[in-house]
Amino acid sequence: MNTYDGRCLYCGLVQPIMAENQEEADSLITRKCDCAGAAKQRKIDALTENILNIAAEGHCEENNLKPIEPAAVDMLIIAGALVVNGAIDKLQKARL
């Protein structure tokens, strides 16, 4: 491990940090940063993990849940990111 100047990918904050390489240093600083962009990304990452744990094959069985189609899991992840980013307010099942 070496000391690198890690840079937040969202606001550009630079801080020294111990890491294996520059990419890891940037990632670590981004995860620690208090800026709005990094906070949104942490929400999206947590949302994605929760969706996978609830609905994705290979993950949800640990919670005694039945997986849904991979395309539906992908759609939920995309929709969740859109909600976090403020592009949409909600997602609703269409009535056919």
N, C-alpha and C. Protein backbone atom coordinates (compact mmCIF):
# COMPACT_ATOMS: atom_id res chain seq x y z
N MET A 1 0.84 -1.18 0.00
CA MET A 1 0.00 0.00 0.00
C MET A 1 0.88 1.24 0.00
N ASN A 2 0.41 2.25 -0.72
CA ASN A 2 1.10 3.54 -0.78
C ASN A 2 0.12 4.65 -0.49
N THR A 3 0.64 5.84 -0.28
CA THR A 3 -0.21 7.00 -0.08
C THR A 3 -0.46 7.65 -1.44
N TYR A 4 -1.74 7.88 -1.74
CA TYR A 4 -2.15 8.52 -2.98
C TYR A 4 -3.01 9.72 -2.64
N ASP A 5 -3.09 10.66 -3.57
CA ASP A 5 -4.04 11.76 -3.45
C ASP A 5 -5.32 11.32 -4.13
N GLY A 6 -6.28 10.83 -3.32
CA GLY A 6 -7.56 10.38 -3.85
C GLY A 6 -8.44 11.56 -4.18
N ARG A 7 -9.18 11.46 -5.28
CA ARG A 7 -10.05 12.56 -5.74
C ARG A 7 -11.48 12.06 -5.83
N CYS A 8 -12.42 12.80 -5.21
CA CYS A 8 -13.84 12.46 -5.31
C CYS A 8 -14.26 12.58 -6.77
N LEU A 9 -14.94 11.56 -7.26
CA LEU A 9 -15.36 11.55 -8.66
C LEU A 9 -16.48 12.55 -8.94
N TYR A 10 -17.11 13.10 -7.89
CA TYR A 10 -18.24 14.00 -8.07
C TYR A 10 -17.89 15.46 -7.85
N CYS A 11 -17.16 15.76 -6.79
CA CYS A 11 -16.87 17.18 -6.49
C CYS A 11 -15.40 17.55 -6.66
N GLY A 12 -14.53 16.55 -6.80
CA GLY A 12 -13.12 16.83 -7.02
C GLY A 12 -12.29 17.01 -5.76
N LEU A 13 -12.89 16.82 -4.59
CA LEU A 13 -12.16 16.91 -3.33
C LEU A 13 -10.94 16.00 -3.38
N VAL A 14 -9.78 16.51 -2.97
CA VAL A 14 -8.56 15.72 -2.97
C VAL A 14 -8.08 15.56 -1.54
N GLN A 15 -7.81 14.29 -1.16
CA GLN A 15 -7.29 13.99 0.17
C GLN A 15 -6.29 12.85 0.05
N PRO A 16 -5.25 12.87 0.88
CA PRO A 16 -4.31 11.74 0.87
C PRO A 16 -4.95 10.53 1.53
N ILE A 17 -4.66 9.34 0.99
CA ILE A 17 -5.22 8.11 1.53
C ILE A 17 -4.31 6.95 1.16
N MET A 18 -4.28 5.94 2.03
CA MET A 18 -3.52 4.72 1.75
C MET A 18 -4.36 3.83 0.85
N ALA A 19 -3.76 3.38 -0.28
CA ALA A 19 -4.48 2.53 -1.23
C ALA A 19 -3.48 1.74 -2.04
N GLU A 20 -4.01 0.75 -2.78
CA GLU A 20 -3.18 -0.08 -3.65
C GLU A 20 -2.78 0.66 -4.93
N ASN A 21 -3.69 1.54 -5.42
CA ASN A 21 -3.43 2.28 -6.66
C ASN A 21 -4.30 3.54 -6.68
N GLN A 22 -4.14 4.36 -7.71
CA GLN A 22 -4.87 5.62 -7.80
C GLN A 22 -6.38 5.40 -7.93
N GLU A 23 -6.76 4.40 -8.69
CA GLU A 23 -8.19 4.11 -8.88
C GLU A 23 -8.86 3.76 -7.54
N GLU A 24 -8.19 2.94 -6.75
CA GLU A 24 -8.74 2.59 -5.44
C GLU A 24 -8.78 3.81 -4.53
N ALA A 25 -7.75 4.65 -4.58
CA ALA A 25 -7.72 5.87 -3.77
C ALA A 25 -8.89 6.78 -4.13
N ASP A 26 -9.16 6.96 -5.42
CA ASP A 26 -10.29 7.80 -5.84
C ASP A 26 -11.61 7.21 -5.37
N SER A 27 -11.74 5.89 -5.47
CA SER A 27 -12.96 5.22 -5.03
C SER A 27 -13.18 5.37 -3.53
N LEU A 28 -12.12 5.20 -2.75
CA LEU A 28 -12.23 5.32 -1.30
C LEU A 28 -12.60 6.74 -0.88
N ILE A 29 -11.98 7.73 -1.49
CA ILE A 29 -12.30 9.12 -1.16
C ILE A 29 -13.72 9.45 -1.58
N THR A 30 -14.15 8.97 -2.74
CA THR A 30 -15.52 9.21 -3.19
C THR A 30 -16.52 8.63 -2.20
N ARG A 31 -16.26 7.42 -1.71
CA ARG A 31 -17.18 6.78 -0.75
C ARG A 31 -17.23 7.53 0.58
N LYS A 32 -16.14 8.23 0.95
CA LYS A 32 -16.08 8.97 2.20
C LYS A 32 -16.61 10.39 2.08
N CYS A 33 -16.71 10.91 0.86
CA CYS A 33 -17.02 12.31 0.64
C CYS A 33 -18.45 12.66 1.07
N ASP A 34 -18.64 13.88 1.54
CA ASP A 34 -19.95 14.35 1.99
C ASP A 34 -20.71 15.11 0.91
N CYS A 35 -20.18 15.17 -0.31
CA CYS A 35 -20.85 15.95 -1.36
C CYS A 35 -22.15 15.25 -1.80
N ALA A 36 -23.02 16.01 -2.44
CA ALA A 36 -24.32 15.50 -2.87
C ALA A 36 -24.19 14.36 -3.87
N GLY A 37 -23.25 14.45 -4.78
CA GLY A 37 -23.08 13.40 -5.79
C GLY A 37 -22.68 12.08 -5.17
N ALA A 38 -21.74 12.12 -4.24
CA ALA A 38 -21.30 10.90 -3.57
C ALA A 38 -22.42 10.33 -2.71
N ALA A 39 -23.17 11.20 -2.05
CA ALA A 39 -24.30 10.74 -1.22
C ALA A 39 -25.35 10.05 -2.08
N LYS A 40 -25.66 10.61 -3.24
CA LYS A 40 -26.61 9.97 -4.15
C LYS A 40 -26.10 8.61 -4.60
N GLN A 41 -24.82 8.52 -4.91
CA GLN A 41 -24.26 7.26 -5.37
C GLN A 41 -24.33 6.20 -4.27
N ARG A 42 -24.10 6.61 -3.01
CA ARG A 42 -24.21 5.66 -1.90
C ARG A 42 -25.64 5.16 -1.77
N LYS A 43 -26.62 6.04 -1.98
CA LYS A 43 -28.03 5.62 -1.94
C LYS A 43 -28.33 4.63 -3.06
N ILE A 44 -27.84 4.93 -4.25
CA ILE A 44 -28.07 4.04 -5.39
C ILE A 44 -27.40 2.69 -5.15
N ASP A 45 -26.20 2.69 -4.61
CA ASP A 45 -25.50 1.43 -4.31
C ASP A 45 -26.27 0.61 -3.28
N ALA A 46 -26.77 1.26 -2.23
CA ALA A 46 -27.53 0.55 -1.20
C ALA A 46 -28.85 0.02 -1.77
N LEU A 47 -29.50 0.83 -2.59
CA LEU A 47 -30.75 0.41 -3.23
C LEU A 47 -30.52 -0.79 -4.12
N THR A 48 -29.45 -0.75 -4.91
CA THR A 48 -29.12 -1.87 -5.79
C THR A 48 -28.87 -3.14 -4.99
N GLU A 49 -28.12 -3.03 -3.91
CA GLU A 49 -27.85 -4.20 -3.07
C GLU A 49 -29.14 -4.76 -2.49
N ASN A 50 -30.04 -3.89 -2.04
CA ASN A 50 -31.30 -4.35 -1.48
C ASN A 50 -32.17 -5.03 -2.53
N ILE A 51 -32.22 -4.47 -3.72
CA ILE A 51 -33.01 -5.08 -4.80
C ILE A 51 -32.46 -6.47 -5.12
N LEU A 52 -31.15 -6.59 -5.23
CA LEU A 52 -30.54 -7.89 -5.50
C LEU A 52 -30.87 -8.90 -4.40
N ASN A 53 -30.79 -8.46 -3.14
CA ASN A 53 -31.06 -9.35 -2.02
C ASN A 53 -32.52 -9.79 -1.95
N ILE A 54 -33.42 -8.97 -2.48
CA ILE A 54 -34.85 -9.29 -2.44
C ILE A 54 -35.29 -10.06 -3.68
N ALA A 55 -34.71 -9.76 -4.84
CA ALA A 55 -35.31 -10.24 -6.08
C ALA A 55 -34.40 -11.02 -7.02
N ALA A 56 -33.10 -10.94 -6.89
CA ALA A 56 -32.21 -11.53 -7.90
C ALA A 56 -31.85 -12.97 -7.58
N GLU A 57 -31.82 -13.77 -8.62
CA GLU A 57 -31.41 -15.16 -8.49
C GLU A 57 -29.96 -15.22 -7.99
N GLY A 58 -29.72 -16.13 -7.06
CA GLY A 58 -28.39 -16.25 -6.48
C GLY A 58 -28.19 -15.37 -5.26
N HIS A 59 -29.15 -14.50 -4.98
CA HIS A 59 -29.07 -13.62 -3.81
C HIS A 59 -30.27 -13.81 -2.88
N CYS A 60 -31.47 -13.77 -3.46
CA CYS A 60 -32.69 -13.73 -2.65
C CYS A 60 -33.00 -15.06 -1.96
N GLU A 61 -32.48 -16.15 -2.47
CA GLU A 61 -32.76 -17.45 -1.87
C GLU A 61 -32.28 -17.53 -0.41
N GLU A 62 -31.23 -16.76 -0.10
CA GLU A 62 -30.73 -16.71 1.27
C GLU A 62 -31.79 -16.18 2.23
N ASN A 63 -32.70 -15.36 1.70
CA ASN A 63 -33.78 -14.77 2.49
C ASN A 63 -35.10 -15.50 2.29
N ASN A 64 -35.02 -16.71 1.73
CA ASN A 64 -36.20 -17.54 1.46
C ASN A 64 -37.20 -16.84 0.53
N LEU A 65 -36.68 -16.12 -0.45
CA LEU A 65 -37.51 -15.45 -1.43
C LEU A 65 -37.30 -16.08 -2.80
N LYS A 66 -38.28 -15.93 -3.66
CA LYS A 66 -38.22 -16.48 -5.01
C LYS A 66 -37.71 -15.39 -5.97
N PRO A 67 -36.73 -15.70 -6.80
CA PRO A 67 -36.20 -14.69 -7.73
C PRO A 67 -37.19 -14.33 -8.83
N ILE A 68 -37.04 -13.11 -9.34
CA ILE A 68 -37.83 -12.67 -10.49
C ILE A 68 -36.92 -12.65 -11.72
N GLU A 69 -37.50 -12.40 -12.87
CA GLU A 69 -36.75 -12.37 -14.12
C GLU A 69 -35.60 -11.36 -14.05
N PRO A 70 -34.43 -11.71 -14.59
CA PRO A 70 -33.29 -10.78 -14.57
C PRO A 70 -33.61 -9.42 -15.21
N ALA A 71 -34.42 -9.41 -16.26
CA ALA A 71 -34.78 -8.13 -16.90
C ALA A 71 -35.59 -7.26 -15.94
N ALA A 72 -36.44 -7.89 -15.13
CA ALA A 72 -37.23 -7.13 -14.15
C ALA A 72 -36.34 -6.57 -13.05
N VAL A 73 -35.33 -7.35 -12.64
CA VAL A 73 -34.38 -6.87 -11.63
C VAL A 73 -33.64 -5.65 -12.19
N ASP A 74 -33.18 -5.75 -13.43
CA ASP A 74 -32.48 -4.62 -14.07
C ASP A 74 -33.38 -3.39 -14.13
N MET A 75 -34.65 -3.60 -14.48
CA MET A 75 -35.60 -2.48 -14.56
C MET A 75 -35.78 -1.83 -13.19
N LEU A 76 -35.87 -2.63 -12.14
CA LEU A 76 -36.02 -2.07 -10.79
C LEU A 76 -34.80 -1.25 -10.39
N ILE A 77 -33.62 -1.74 -10.73
CA ILE A 77 -32.39 -1.00 -10.40
C ILE A 77 -32.35 0.33 -11.15
N ILE A 78 -32.70 0.31 -12.43
CA ILE A 78 -32.72 1.54 -13.22
C ILE A 78 -33.76 2.51 -12.69
N ALA A 79 -34.97 1.99 -12.41
CA ALA A 79 -36.04 2.85 -11.88
C ALA A 79 -35.64 3.45 -10.53
N GLY A 80 -35.01 2.65 -9.68
CA GLY A 80 -34.57 3.16 -8.39
C GLY A 80 -33.57 4.29 -8.53
N ALA A 81 -32.63 4.14 -9.45
CA ALA A 81 -31.64 5.20 -9.69
C ALA A 81 -32.33 6.46 -10.21
N LEU A 82 -33.34 6.29 -11.06
CA LEU A 82 -34.08 7.45 -11.56
C LEU A 82 -34.81 8.18 -10.43
N VAL A 83 -35.37 7.43 -9.48
CA VAL A 83 -36.03 8.05 -8.34
C VAL A 83 -35.01 8.80 -7.49
N VAL A 84 -33.90 8.17 -7.17
CA VAL A 84 -32.87 8.81 -6.34
C VAL A 84 -32.36 10.08 -7.01
N ASN A 85 -32.20 10.05 -8.33
CA ASN A 85 -31.70 11.22 -9.06
C ASN A 85 -32.77 12.27 -9.34
N GLY A 86 -34.02 11.98 -8.96
CA GLY A 86 -35.09 12.97 -9.11
C GLY A 86 -35.69 13.03 -10.50
N ALA A 87 -35.36 12.07 -11.36
CA ALA A 87 -35.90 12.08 -12.72
C ALA A 87 -37.36 11.63 -12.76
N ILE A 88 -37.75 10.75 -11.82
CA ILE A 88 -39.14 10.31 -11.70
C ILE A 88 -39.50 10.30 -10.22
N ASP A 89 -40.80 10.35 -9.95
CA ASP A 89 -41.27 10.34 -8.56
C ASP A 89 -41.59 8.94 -8.07
N LYS A 90 -42.10 8.10 -8.97
CA LYS A 90 -42.50 6.76 -8.57
C LYS A 90 -42.61 5.88 -9.79
N LEU A 91 -42.75 4.60 -9.54
CA LEU A 91 -42.95 3.62 -10.60
C LEU A 91 -44.22 2.87 -10.25
N GLN A 92 -45.09 2.71 -11.22
CA GLN A 92 -46.38 2.08 -10.95
C GLN A 92 -46.66 1.03 -12.01
N LYS A 93 -47.23 -0.08 -11.58
CA LYS A 93 -47.62 -1.13 -12.51
C LYS A 93 -48.78 -0.65 -13.36
N ALA A 94 -48.66 -0.86 -14.66
CA ALA A 94 -49.74 -0.45 -15.57
C ALA A 94 -50.89 -1.44 -15.45
N ARG A 95 -52.09 -0.94 -15.54
CA ARG A 95 -53.28 -1.81 -15.54
C ARG A 95 -53.61 -2.13 -16.97
N LEU A 96 -53.67 -3.40 -17.26
CA LEU A 96 -53.95 -3.83 -18.62
C LEU A 96 -55.39 -4.19 -18.82
